Amino acid sequence: MKIYIPLYQFIVLAISTAIMTYFFNVAAMGGQYFLMAFLGFFLLRNVHASYQLSRFIRILEEQNTKKK
């Protein structure tokens, strides 16, 4: 049994991360360090949420394969 996140959640996460990455790079090149730190915080939050979600799904899949 595979567990997937809904497609709309994946699309929203991917698009928001891409937009934040773009503006993070623009802020870094422009020397706007406050904006860079602000966007960096949200980028790290998205990466951490993706990691936690993938770890949770991996644990669930391992438990389901052990039951069979």
Protein backbone atom coordinates (compact mmCIF):
# COMPACT_ATOMS: atom_id res chain seq x y z
CA MET A 1 0.00 0.00 0.00
CA LYS A 2 1.48 3.32 -1.07
CA ILE A 3 0.55 6.53 0.69
CA TYR A 4 0.66 9.74 -1.29
CA ILE A 5 -0.05 13.35 -0.46
CA PRO A 6 -2.83 14.91 -2.51
CA LEU A 7 -1.66 16.37 -5.79
CA TYR A 8 -2.77 19.89 -4.93
CA GLN A 9 -0.66 19.87 -1.73
CA PHE A 10 2.38 18.74 -3.69
CA ILE A 11 1.83 21.42 -6.33
CA VAL A 12 1.36 24.18 -3.73
CA LEU A 13 4.48 23.07 -1.85
CA ALA A 14 6.56 22.90 -5.03
CA ILE A 15 5.37 26.25 -6.41
CA SER A 16 5.73 28.09 -3.12
CA THR A 17 9.23 26.68 -2.61
CA ALA A 18 10.25 27.66 -6.14
CA ILE A 19 8.92 31.21 -5.73
CA MET A 20 10.59 31.63 -2.35
CA THR A 21 13.86 30.30 -3.76
CA TYR A 22 13.74 32.81 -6.62
CA PHE A 23 13.13 35.77 -4.31
CA PHE A 24 15.75 34.44 -1.86
CA ASN A 25 18.31 34.49 -4.66
CA VAL A 26 17.24 37.97 -5.77
CA ALA A 27 17.58 39.22 -2.18
CA ALA A 28 20.99 37.57 -1.83
CA MET A 29 22.30 39.15 -5.03
CA GLY A 30 20.83 42.53 -4.12
CA GLY A 31 22.29 42.59 -0.62
CA GLN A 32 18.90 42.65 1.11
CA TYR A 33 19.92 40.54 4.06
CA PHE A 34 16.78 41.00 6.15
CA LEU A 35 14.57 39.79 3.31
CA MET A 36 17.04 36.98 2.63
CA ALA A 37 16.85 35.83 6.26
CA PHE A 38 13.06 36.07 6.25
CA LEU A 39 12.70 33.98 3.08
CA GLY A 40 15.44 31.61 4.23
CA PHE A 41 13.39 30.85 7.34
CA PHE A 42 10.37 29.87 5.24
CA LEU A 43 12.52 27.83 2.86
CA LEU A 44 13.98 25.88 5.77
CA ARG A 45 10.48 25.40 7.16
CA ASN A 46 9.30 23.93 3.83
CA VAL A 47 12.32 21.65 3.60
CA HIS A 48 11.80 20.48 7.19
CA ALA A 49 8.09 19.82 6.59
CA SER A 50 8.91 17.82 3.45
CA TYR A 51 11.48 15.79 5.37
CA GLN A 52 9.07 15.06 8.23
CA LEU A 53 6.33 14.04 5.81
CA SER A 54 8.59 11.72 3.83
CA ARG A 55 9.91 10.16 7.06
CA PHE A 56 6.34 9.59 8.31
CA ILE A 57 5.31 7.99 5.01
CA ARG A 58 8.41 5.76 5.02
CA ILE A 59 7.57 4.53 8.55
CA LEU A 60 3.97 3.78 7.56
CA GLU A 61 5.08 1.88 4.46
CA GLU A 62 7.55 -0.18 6.50
CA GLN A 63 4.84 -1.11 8.99
CA ASN A 64 2.46 -2.10 6.20
CA THR A 65 5.03 -4.32 4.51
CA LYS A 66 5.86 -6.05 7.81
CA LYS A 67 2.20 -7.00 8.33
CA LYS A 68 2.06 -8.95 5.06
